[in-house]
Amino acid sequence: MPDQPDTPTVYQVHVTTDAEGHTVTHRCQIPGFSIQRTIGDSPPMWATQPTTDPVSRSIWVMPPGWRGGWHTNPQRQLVVPLSGAWWVRTQDGVRTVMGPGDLHLGDDLDAVADADGRIGHDSGTEGDQPVVLLMIPVSGEKQPCVDVCDT
C-alpha cells in the first residue's frame, strides 16, 4: 500500500475491577492492527485479527431518563452505541459519557461492594433522546488494559 499512514489508534472504554475488586474505568487502546486484505481482492486496510469470542448479539433501546442502578454486567460484553448517548459511573467515581463512535467493554463481573455498598457500576441515558446500543456478549477471561489513556 503506497504511502501507508501510521497504525491507527482506536480506544475503548473498559469497565473492569482493581486488585480489591472495586470497579474502575480506563480508556484502553485496542492493539493488534496490521495492514490486511480482508475482503477478496479489495485494497488492503488496517484491521485486527478476527476473534471467535462473540456469543450472540442484541439491540437495546433505553428511553430518556432510564437509569440502571448499581449492578455488574450480566456477562463480559462489548457495547457499541448506535445513536443517542449514555453514561457509566464506576466505584472510583469516574462518570464516562459515550455515544456513536465509542466502544465499551463491560468486564466487571467480579466486582465487590465498596464502603457504600455499591457493587459494579451505575449507568443511564444522557440527554433527552433514547440511546440505541448494540450488545455483543463475549467469552473469555478478563483482560488487562493495554496502553491505557485515561484522559
C-alpha atoms as a PDB file:
ATOM      1  CA  MET A   1       0.000   0.000   0.000  1.00  0.00           C
ATOM      2  CA  PRO A   2       1.698   3.217  -1.075  1.00  0.00           C
ATOM      3  CA  ASP A   3       2.057   5.988   1.465  1.00  0.00           C
ATOM      4  CA  GLN A   4       0.837   3.864   4.363  1.00  0.00           C
ATOM      5  CA  PRO A   5      -0.484   6.003   7.197  1.00  0.00           C
ATOM      6  CA  ASP A   6       0.630   5.347  10.735  1.00  0.00           C
ATOM      7  CA  THR A   7      -1.057   2.496  12.569  1.00  0.00           C
ATOM      8  CA  PRO A   8      -4.466   3.745  13.700  1.00  0.00           C
ATOM      9  CA  THR A   9      -5.119   4.351  17.372  1.00  0.00           C
ATOM     10  CA  VAL A  10      -8.555   3.145  18.453  1.00  0.00           C
ATOM     11  CA  TYR A  11      -9.691   3.218  22.084  1.00  0.00           C
ATOM     12  CA  GLN A  12     -12.463   1.566  24.031  1.00  0.00           C
ATOM     13  CA  VAL A  13     -13.848   2.406  27.460  1.00  0.00           C
ATOM     14  CA  HIS A  14     -13.064  -0.552  29.739  1.00  0.00           C
ATOM     15  CA  VAL A  15     -15.093  -1.010  32.939  1.00  0.00           C
ATOM     16  CA  THR A  16     -13.167  -3.555  34.992  1.00  0.00           C
ATOM     17  CA  THR A  17     -12.119  -4.216  38.586  1.00  0.00           C
ATOM     18  CA  ASP A  18      -8.961  -3.370  40.513  1.00  0.00           C
ATOM     19  CA  ALA A  19      -6.994  -5.650  42.863  1.00  0.00           C
ATOM     20  CA  GLU A  20      -9.568  -5.066  45.634  1.00  0.00           C
ATOM     21  CA  GLY A  21     -12.497  -5.955  43.368  1.00  0.00           C
ATOM     22  CA  HIS A  22     -13.842  -2.406  43.016  1.00  0.00           C
ATOM     23  CA  THR A  23     -14.823  -1.121  39.601  1.00  0.00           C
ATOM     24  CA  VAL A  24     -12.628   1.310  37.711  1.00  0.00           C
ATOM     25  CA  THR A  25     -12.858   2.908  34.283  1.00  0.00           C
ATOM     26  CA  HIS A  26      -9.986   3.107  31.806  1.00  0.00           C
ATOM     27  CA  ARG A  27      -9.791   4.178  28.182  1.00  0.00           C
ATOM     28  CA  CYS A  28      -7.593   1.496  26.606  1.00  0.00           C
ATOM     29  CA  GLN A  29      -6.019   1.195  23.180  1.00  0.00           C
ATOM     30  CA  ILE A  30      -7.149  -1.728  21.037  1.00  0.00           C
ATOM     31  CA  PRO A  31      -3.929  -3.483  19.992  1.00  0.00           C
ATOM     32  CA  GLY A  32      -3.021  -5.608  17.005  1.00  0.00           C
ATOM     33  CA  PHE A  33      -3.777  -3.547  13.897  1.00  0.00           C
ATOM     34  CA  SER A  34      -1.981  -4.600  10.718  1.00  0.00           C
ATOM     35  CA  ILE A  35      -2.461  -3.959   7.008  1.00  0.00           C
ATOM     36  CA  GLN A  36      -4.568  -6.833   5.634  1.00  0.00           C
ATOM     37  CA  ARG A  37      -6.707  -7.856   2.719  1.00  0.00           C
ATOM     38  CA  THR A  38      -9.970  -8.697   4.436  1.00  0.00           C
ATOM     39  CA  ILE A  39     -12.491  -8.744   1.554  1.00  0.00           C
ATOM     40  CA  GLY A  40     -11.401 -10.679  -1.531  1.00  0.00           C
ATOM     41  CA  ASP A  41      -9.437  -8.509  -3.939  1.00  0.00           C
ATOM     42  CA  SER A  42     -10.332  -5.205  -2.294  1.00  0.00           C
ATOM     43  CA  PRO A  43      -7.429  -2.950  -1.321  1.00  0.00           C
ATOM     44  CA  PRO A  44      -5.662  -3.711   1.968  1.00  0.00           C
ATOM     45  CA  MET A  45      -6.830  -1.857   5.064  1.00  0.00           C
ATOM     46  CA  TRP A  46      -5.969  -1.657   8.738  1.00  0.00           C
ATOM     47  CA  ALA A  47      -7.647  -4.462  10.752  1.00  0.00           C
ATOM     48  CA  THR A  48      -7.178  -6.588  13.828  1.00  0.00           C
ATOM     49  CA  GLN A  49      -7.266 -10.346  13.574  1.00  0.00           C
ATOM     50  CA  PRO A  50     -10.810 -11.719  13.888  1.00  0.00           C
ATOM     51  CA  THR A  51     -11.740 -13.076  17.287  1.00  0.00           C
ATOM     52  CA  THR A  52     -14.006 -16.002  17.970  1.00  0.00           C
ATOM     53  CA  ASP A  53     -15.342 -14.705  21.275  1.00  0.00           C
ATOM     54  CA  PRO A  54     -18.742 -13.194  20.302  1.00  0.00           C
ATOM     55  CA  VAL A  55     -21.500 -15.346  21.762  1.00  0.00           C
ATOM     56  CA  SER A  56     -24.597 -13.526  20.479  1.00  0.00           C
ATOM     57  CA  ARG A  57     -25.865 -10.002  19.895  1.00  0.00           C
ATOM     58  CA  SER A  58     -28.901  -7.893  20.664  1.00  0.00           C
ATOM     59  CA  ILE A  59     -30.109  -4.314  20.334  1.00  0.00           C
ATOM     60  CA  TRP A  60     -31.173  -2.413  23.443  1.00  0.00           C
ATOM     61  CA  VAL A  61     -33.132   0.842  23.331  1.00  0.00           C
ATOM     62  CA  MET A  62     -33.171   2.789  26.590  1.00  0.00           C
ATOM     63  CA  PRO A  63     -35.650   5.671  26.852  1.00  0.00           C
ATOM     64  CA  PRO A  64     -34.626   9.157  28.016  1.00  0.00           C
ATOM     65  CA  GLY A  65     -34.226   9.202  31.788  1.00  0.00           C
ATOM     66  CA  TRP A  66     -33.519   5.459  32.021  1.00  0.00           C
ATOM     67  CA  ARG A  67     -31.125   4.546  34.845  1.00  0.00           C
ATOM     68  CA  GLY A  68     -29.898   1.051  35.639  1.00  0.00           C
ATOM     69  CA  GLY A  69     -28.778   1.466  39.246  1.00  0.00           C
ATOM     70  CA  TRP A  70     -25.693  -0.237  40.648  1.00  0.00           C
ATOM     71  CA  HIS A  71     -25.109  -3.661  39.099  1.00  0.00           C
ATOM     72  CA  THR A  72     -22.469  -5.786  37.382  1.00  0.00           C
ATOM     73  CA  ASN A  73     -22.541  -6.726  33.724  1.00  0.00           C
ATOM     74  CA  PRO A  74     -24.549  -9.928  33.149  1.00  0.00           C
ATOM     75  CA  GLN A  75     -21.557 -11.271  31.175  1.00  0.00           C
ATOM     76  CA  ARG A  76     -18.459  -9.820  29.501  1.00  0.00           C
ATOM     77  CA  GLN A  77     -19.843  -7.682  26.712  1.00  0.00           C
ATOM     78  CA  LEU A  78     -18.922  -5.147  24.075  1.00  0.00           C
ATOM     79  CA  VAL A  79     -21.362  -2.247  23.966  1.00  0.00           C
ATOM     80  CA  VAL A  80     -21.494  -0.135  20.808  1.00  0.00           C
ATOM     81  CA  PRO A  81     -23.700   2.988  20.929  1.00  0.00           C
ATOM     82  CA  LEU A  82     -25.506   3.380  17.592  1.00  0.00           C
ATOM     83  CA  SER A  83     -27.444   6.548  18.428  1.00  0.00           C
ATOM     84  CA  GLY A  84     -28.047   8.754  21.435  1.00  0.00           C
ATOM     85  CA  ALA A  85     -25.741   8.902  24.435  1.00  0.00           C
ATOM     86  CA  TRP A  86     -25.387   7.006  27.690  1.00  0.00           C
ATOM     87  CA  TRP A  87     -23.139   7.105  30.722  1.00  0.00           C
ATOM     88  CA  VAL A  88     -21.418   4.662  33.063  1.00  0.00           C
ATOM     89  CA  ARG A  89     -20.192   5.503  36.573  1.00  0.00           C
ATOM     90  CA  THR A  90     -17.766   3.166  38.343  1.00  0.00           C
ATOM     91  CA  GLN A  91     -16.927   2.847  42.032  1.00  0.00           C
ATOM     92  CA  ASP A  92     -13.826   5.004  41.568  1.00  0.00           C
ATOM     93  CA  GLY A  93     -16.175   7.927  40.823  1.00  0.00           C
ATOM     94  CA  VAL A  94     -15.450   8.161  37.097  1.00  0.00           C
ATOM     95  CA  ARG A  95     -18.533   9.009  35.011  1.00  0.00           C
ATOM     96  CA  THR A  96     -17.999   8.393  31.290  1.00  0.00           C
ATOM     97  CA  VAL A  97     -20.459   9.547  28.619  1.00  0.00           C
ATOM     98  CA  MET A  98     -20.422   7.559  25.378  1.00  0.00           C
ATOM     99  CA  GLY A  99     -22.145   7.946  22.030  1.00  0.00           C
ATOM    100  CA  PRO A 100     -21.807   6.780  18.436  1.00  0.00           C
ATOM    101  CA  GLY A 101     -18.200   6.020  17.611  1.00  0.00           C
ATOM    102  CA  ASP A 102     -17.329   4.886  21.156  1.00  0.00           C
ATOM    103  CA  LEU A 103     -16.710   1.306  22.276  1.00  0.00           C
ATOM    104  CA  HIS A 104     -17.240  -0.044  25.777  1.00  0.00           C
ATOM    105  CA  LEU A 105     -16.073  -3.356  27.243  1.00  0.00           C
ATOM    106  CA  GLY A 106     -18.137  -4.332  30.293  1.00  0.00           C
ATOM    107  CA  ASP A 107     -15.810  -6.543  32.288  1.00  0.00           C
ATOM    108  CA  ASP A 108     -16.792  -6.077  35.964  1.00  0.00           C
ATOM    109  CA  LEU A 109     -18.305  -9.487  36.736  1.00  0.00           C
ATOM    110  CA  ASP A 110     -16.038  -9.966  39.770  1.00  0.00           C
ATOM    111  CA  ALA A 111     -16.861  -6.606  41.390  1.00  0.00           C
ATOM    112  CA  VAL A 112     -17.369  -6.474  45.149  1.00  0.00           C
ATOM    113  CA  ALA A 113     -19.235  -3.978  47.310  1.00  0.00           C
ATOM    114  CA  ASP A 114     -17.465  -0.761  48.226  1.00  0.00           C
ATOM    115  CA  ALA A 115     -17.761   1.046  51.574  1.00  0.00           C
ATOM    116  CA  ASP A 116     -21.133   2.481  50.453  1.00  0.00           C
ATOM    117  CA  GLY A 117     -22.500  -0.946  49.475  1.00  0.00           C
ATOM    118  CA  ARG A 118     -22.363  -0.209  45.742  1.00  0.00           C
ATOM    119  CA  ILE A 119     -21.421  -3.142  43.516  1.00  0.00           C
ATOM    120  CA  GLY A 120     -20.240  -2.808  39.909  1.00  0.00           C
ATOM    121  CA  HIS A 121     -21.357   0.271  38.027  1.00  0.00           C
ATOM    122  CA  ASP A 122     -24.355   2.529  37.516  1.00  0.00           C
ATOM    123  CA  SER A 123     -25.478   3.548  34.036  1.00  0.00           C
ATOM    124  CA  GLY A 124     -28.167   5.559  32.306  1.00  0.00           C
ATOM    125  CA  THR A 125     -29.191   7.604  29.328  1.00  0.00           C
ATOM    126  CA  GLU A 126     -27.756  11.069  28.718  1.00  0.00           C
ATOM    127  CA  GLY A 127     -29.909  13.859  27.304  1.00  0.00           C
ATOM    128  CA  ASP A 128     -33.458  13.827  26.007  1.00  0.00           C
ATOM    129  CA  GLN A 129     -33.104  11.158  23.303  1.00  0.00           C
ATOM    130  CA  PRO A 130     -33.245   7.371  23.651  1.00  0.00           C
ATOM    131  CA  VAL A 131     -29.948   5.535  23.301  1.00  0.00           C
ATOM    132  CA  VAL A 132     -29.664   2.555  20.966  1.00  0.00           C
ATOM    133  CA  LEU A 133     -26.939   0.081  21.947  1.00  0.00           C
ATOM    134  CA  LEU A 134     -25.554  -2.922  20.092  1.00  0.00           C
ATOM    135  CA  MET A 135     -24.784  -5.504  22.791  1.00  0.00           C
ATOM    136  CA  ILE A 136     -22.264  -8.235  21.939  1.00  0.00           C
ATOM    137  CA  PRO A 137     -21.577 -10.712  24.754  1.00  0.00           C
ATOM    138  CA  VAL A 138     -18.048 -12.128  24.538  1.00  0.00           C
ATOM    139  CA  SER A 139     -16.485 -15.178  26.087  1.00  0.00           C
ATOM    140  CA  GLY A 140     -13.067 -15.456  27.665  1.00  0.00           C
ATOM    141  CA  GLU A 141     -11.381 -14.149  30.766  1.00  0.00           C
ATOM    142  CA  LYS A 142     -10.983 -10.548  31.872  1.00  0.00           C
ATOM    143  CA  GLN A 143      -8.028  -8.924  30.132  1.00  0.00           C
ATOM    144  CA  PRO A 144      -5.901  -6.072  31.471  1.00  0.00           C
ATOM    145  CA  CYS A 145      -5.917  -2.797  29.565  1.00  0.00           C
ATOM    146  CA  VAL A 146      -3.189  -2.199  27.013  1.00  0.00           C
ATOM    147  CA  ASP A 147      -1.781   1.306  26.541  1.00  0.00           C
ATOM    148  CA  VAL A 148      -4.154   2.979  28.995  1.00  0.00           C
ATOM    149  CA  CYS A 149      -5.077   6.543  28.068  1.00  0.00           C
ATOM    150  CA  ASP A 150      -7.110   7.912  30.984  1.00  0.00           C
ATOM    151  CA  THR A 151      -7.539  11.424  29.651  1.00  0.00           C
END
